[in-house]
């Protein structure tokens, strides 16, 4: 029974890695579609979002079943409970990638944001993709160095997010009301995507230490 239990725990972690890989693929496609007005790519992100949702739901069912049958304790319990929370964050990250793709599709053939903000959004997209790839690797390796890199990348995303608000609300802004709405929404989606990655990084460190306070302080 113990061997079966350990195999189930390994499966939980493998499924998290698989979902993280799908999320990384989704955000890479979504940000490319957003910045290049590629409607076909945007539609593929939207069409494939259900794959992330289904895998997250399946993982949740497995984790709940393990809790009911095995009644894990200590680190094993932390693994299962953290998996449920990480799964929810990954599913939300997939949704945010879909939202970015939906903006690209809605505004096609035009670009979503005005010319003066496009370099900022290219950088936001680059950072989100980098964060997603690091998160995928983090869930495989539980590397504290990767967790720290994700936090640092998130700080850059936050700065860019604030710069978008400063720009569209500034006195020199010449854009239309619709540009303000699209730009602030898109910036928020990018920012929240990175925030969820940081939240997952904290949970991974919690798995290692068993101390939520320590994990929160180190990430």
Protein backbone atom coordinates (compact mmCIF):
# COMPACT_ATOMS: atom_id res chain seq x y z
CA UNK A 1 0.00 0.00 0.00
CA UNK A 2 2.83 2.39 0.80
CA UNK A 3 4.40 1.81 -2.61
CA UNK A 4 1.10 2.56 -4.31
CA UNK A 5 0.73 5.71 -2.23
CA UNK A 6 4.17 6.97 -3.25
CA UNK A 7 3.37 6.27 -6.89
CA UNK A 8 0.21 8.34 -6.53
CA UNK A 9 2.16 11.23 -5.02
CA UNK A 10 4.61 11.06 -7.91
CA UNK A 11 1.70 11.13 -10.33
CA UNK A 12 0.33 14.26 -8.64
CA UNK A 13 3.65 16.03 -9.14
CA UNK A 14 4.00 14.79 -12.72
CA UNK A 15 0.55 16.11 -13.55
CA UNK A 16 1.43 19.51 -12.12
CA UNK A 17 4.48 19.63 -14.36
CA UNK A 18 2.35 18.66 -17.36
CA UNK A 19 -0.19 21.43 -16.67
CA UNK A 20 2.59 23.97 -16.18
CA UNK A 21 3.97 22.99 -19.58
CA UNK A 22 0.59 23.61 -21.19
CA UNK A 23 0.37 26.99 -19.46
CA UNK A 24 3.82 27.97 -20.71
CA UNK A 25 2.82 27.03 -24.25
CA UNK A 26 -0.44 28.94 -23.93
CA UNK A 27 1.09 32.21 -22.71
CA UNK A 28 3.82 32.05 -25.35
CA UNK A 29 1.22 31.73 -28.10
CA UNK A 30 -1.08 34.32 -26.52
CA UNK A 31 1.57 37.02 -26.17
CA UNK A 32 2.82 36.37 -29.69
CA UNK A 33 -0.73 36.68 -31.02
CA UNK A 34 -1.26 39.83 -28.96
CA UNK A 35 1.86 41.58 -30.19
CA UNK A 36 1.62 40.48 -33.83
CA UNK A 37 -2.20 40.49 -34.31
CA UNK A 38 -2.08 36.81 -35.28
CA UNK A 39 -5.75 35.87 -35.08
CA UNK A 40 -5.18 32.20 -35.96
CA UNK A 41 -2.73 31.82 -33.10
CA UNK A 42 -5.11 33.66 -30.75
CA UNK A 43 -7.94 31.31 -31.68
CA UNK A 44 -5.77 28.26 -31.05
CA UNK A 45 -5.06 29.51 -27.51
CA UNK A 46 -8.76 30.02 -26.89
CA UNK A 47 -9.68 26.63 -28.36
CA UNK A 48 -7.06 24.77 -26.30
CA UNK A 49 -7.79 26.35 -22.91
CA UNK A 50 -10.14 23.49 -22.07
CA UNK A 51 -7.12 21.14 -22.04
CA UNK A 52 -5.68 23.00 -19.06
CA UNK A 53 -9.06 23.11 -17.33
CA UNK A 54 -9.64 19.39 -17.82
CA UNK A 55 -6.22 18.38 -16.57
CA UNK A 56 -6.53 20.64 -13.55
CA UNK A 57 -9.92 19.14 -12.71
CA UNK A 58 -8.56 15.62 -13.13
CA UNK A 59 -5.64 16.40 -10.83
CA UNK A 60 -7.98 17.82 -8.21
CA UNK A 61 -10.03 14.61 -8.30
CA UNK A 62 -6.90 12.52 -7.81
CA UNK A 63 -5.69 14.67 -4.91
CA UNK A 64 -9.06 14.55 -3.15
CA UNK A 65 -9.21 10.79 -3.63
CA UNK A 66 -5.75 10.45 -2.08
CA UNK A 67 -6.81 12.55 0.91
CA UNK A 68 -9.88 10.37 1.43
CA UNK A 69 -8.19 6.99 1.03
CA UNK A 70 -4.67 7.50 2.37
CA UNK A 71 -5.13 10.19 5.03
CA UNK A 72 -1.56 11.48 4.50
CA UNK A 73 0.39 13.34 7.17
CA UNK A 74 3.46 15.62 7.40
CA UNK A 75 5.20 16.25 4.03
CA UNK A 76 2.87 13.88 2.17
CA UNK A 77 -0.11 15.91 3.32
CA UNK A 78 1.63 19.12 2.31
CA UNK A 79 2.24 17.71 -1.18
CA UNK A 80 -1.42 16.87 -1.74
CA UNK A 81 -2.86 20.07 -0.27
CA UNK A 82 -0.33 22.23 -2.09
CA UNK A 83 -1.11 20.41 -5.34
CA UNK A 84 -4.74 21.42 -5.04
CA UNK A 85 -3.80 25.06 -4.58
CA UNK A 86 -1.12 25.04 -7.29
CA UNK A 87 -3.58 23.43 -9.69
CA UNK A 88 -6.04 26.27 -9.11
CA UNK A 89 -3.35 28.87 -9.82
CA UNK A 90 -2.21 27.10 -12.99
CA UNK A 91 -5.79 26.90 -14.22
CA UNK A 92 -6.16 30.64 -13.61
CA UNK A 93 -2.92 31.35 -15.45
CA UNK A 94 -4.34 29.47 -18.43
CA UNK A 95 -7.45 31.63 -18.25
CA UNK A 96 -5.35 34.80 -18.22
CA UNK A 97 -3.45 33.64 -21.29
CA UNK A 98 -6.82 33.03 -22.93
CA UNK A 99 -7.96 36.56 -21.99
CA UNK A 100 -4.87 38.01 -23.67
CA UNK A 101 -5.62 35.96 -26.78
CA UNK A 102 -9.25 37.10 -26.73
CA UNK A 103 -8.15 40.74 -26.81
CA UNK A 104 -6.00 39.99 -29.85
CA UNK A 105 -8.91 38.28 -31.61
CA UNK A 106 -11.40 41.01 -30.71
CA UNK A 107 -9.22 43.83 -32.07
CA UNK A 108 -8.03 41.98 -35.19
CA UNK A 109 -6.86 43.17 -37.70
CA UNK A 110 -5.76 46.12 -35.54
CA UNK A 111 -3.26 45.78 -32.73
CA UNK A 112 -4.70 45.90 -29.22
CA UNK A 113 -2.59 48.75 -27.82
CA UNK A 114 -1.42 52.01 -29.40
CA UNK A 115 2.04 52.30 -30.90
CA UNK A 116 3.67 54.06 -27.95
CA UNK A 117 2.82 51.18 -25.59
CA UNK A 118 3.81 48.29 -27.83
CA UNK A 119 7.44 48.02 -26.61
CA UNK A 120 6.15 47.83 -23.03
CA UNK A 121 3.76 45.01 -23.88
CA UNK A 122 6.41 43.12 -25.81
CA UNK A 123 8.53 43.19 -22.67
CA UNK A 124 5.57 42.18 -20.50
CA UNK A 125 4.97 39.25 -22.81
CA UNK A 126 8.63 38.26 -22.79
CA UNK A 127 8.73 38.29 -18.99
CA UNK A 128 5.51 36.29 -18.65
CA UNK A 129 6.81 33.64 -21.02
CA UNK A 130 10.12 33.47 -19.15
CA UNK A 131 8.28 33.18 -15.83
CA UNK A 132 6.06 30.39 -17.17
CA UNK A 133 9.04 28.40 -18.43
CA UNK A 134 10.87 28.85 -15.13
CA UNK A 135 7.74 27.77 -13.27
CA UNK A 136 7.54 24.62 -15.37
CA UNK A 137 11.13 23.80 -14.43
CA UNK A 138 10.56 24.79 -10.81
CA UNK A 139 7.79 22.23 -10.45
CA UNK A 140 10.17 19.59 -11.80
CA UNK A 141 13.16 20.51 -9.65
CA UNK A 142 11.87 22.52 -6.64
CA UNK A 143 14.88 24.80 -7.15
CA UNK A 144 15.05 27.72 -4.71
CA UNK A 145 17.14 29.65 -7.25
CA UNK A 146 14.31 29.44 -9.80
CA UNK A 147 11.81 30.58 -7.18
CA UNK A 148 13.96 33.66 -6.56
CA UNK A 149 14.27 34.35 -10.29
CA UNK A 150 10.49 34.22 -10.65
CA UNK A 151 10.11 36.75 -7.85
CA UNK A 152 12.63 39.08 -9.49
CA UNK A 153 10.93 38.77 -12.87
CA UNK A 154 7.61 39.54 -11.20
CA UNK A 155 9.06 42.77 -9.79
CA UNK A 156 9.86 43.83 -13.35
CA UNK A 157 6.34 42.95 -14.48
CA UNK A 158 4.90 45.05 -11.65
CA UNK A 159 7.03 48.02 -12.68
CA UNK A 160 5.92 47.77 -16.30
CA UNK A 161 2.30 47.36 -15.21
CA UNK A 162 2.51 50.61 -13.23
CA UNK A 163 4.18 52.34 -16.16
CA UNK A 164 1.18 51.52 -18.37
CA UNK A 165 -1.16 53.22 -15.89
CA UNK A 166 1.17 56.22 -15.64
CA UNK A 167 1.15 56.51 -19.43
CA UNK A 168 -2.58 56.20 -20.12
CA UNK A 169 -3.53 58.47 -17.21
CA UNK A 170 -0.85 61.06 -17.92
CA UNK A 171 -1.54 64.54 -19.23
CA UNK A 172 0.27 63.85 -22.52
CA UNK A 173 -1.86 60.80 -23.38
CA UNK A 174 -3.54 61.21 -26.78
CA UNK A 175 -5.29 57.86 -27.07
CA UNK A 176 -9.00 57.14 -27.13
CA UNK A 177 -11.08 55.83 -24.23
CA UNK A 178 -11.08 52.38 -25.82
CA UNK A 179 -7.28 52.39 -25.88
CA UNK A 180 -7.25 53.07 -22.14
CA UNK A 181 -9.61 50.18 -21.44
CA UNK A 182 -7.72 47.71 -23.66
CA UNK A 183 -4.30 48.75 -22.36
CA UNK A 184 -5.21 48.60 -18.69
CA UNK A 185 -7.00 45.27 -19.09
CA UNK A 186 -4.12 43.72 -21.00
CA UNK A 187 -1.59 45.04 -18.51
CA UNK A 188 -3.63 43.62 -15.63
CA UNK A 189 -3.79 40.20 -17.29
CA UNK A 190 -0.01 40.13 -17.71
CA UNK A 191 0.52 41.28 -14.12
CA UNK A 192 -1.86 38.75 -12.60
CA UNK A 193 -0.27 35.94 -14.62
CA UNK A 194 3.07 36.68 -12.99
CA UNK A 195 1.47 37.04 -9.55
CA UNK A 196 0.05 33.54 -9.75
CA UNK A 197 3.50 32.21 -10.62
CA UNK A 198 4.93 33.85 -7.50
CA UNK A 199 2.14 32.32 -5.44
CA UNK A 200 3.05 28.88 -6.77
CA UNK A 201 6.74 29.48 -6.05
CA UNK A 202 5.84 30.19 -2.42
CA UNK A 203 3.91 26.95 -2.21
CA UNK A 204 6.84 24.99 -3.63
CA UNK A 205 9.08 26.43 -0.95
CA UNK A 206 6.43 25.59 1.63
CA UNK A 207 6.69 21.98 0.46
CA UNK A 208 10.40 22.05 1.17
CA UNK A 209 10.30 23.76 4.56
CA UNK A 210 6.86 23.05 5.99
CA UNK A 211 6.93 26.67 7.18
CA UNK A 212 4.58 29.00 5.32
CA UNK A 213 6.04 32.12 6.99
CA UNK A 214 9.57 31.23 5.93
CA UNK A 215 8.46 30.47 2.39
CA UNK A 216 6.64 33.79 2.14
CA UNK A 217 9.71 35.67 3.33
CA UNK A 218 12.15 33.99 0.98
CA UNK A 219 10.10 34.53 -2.16
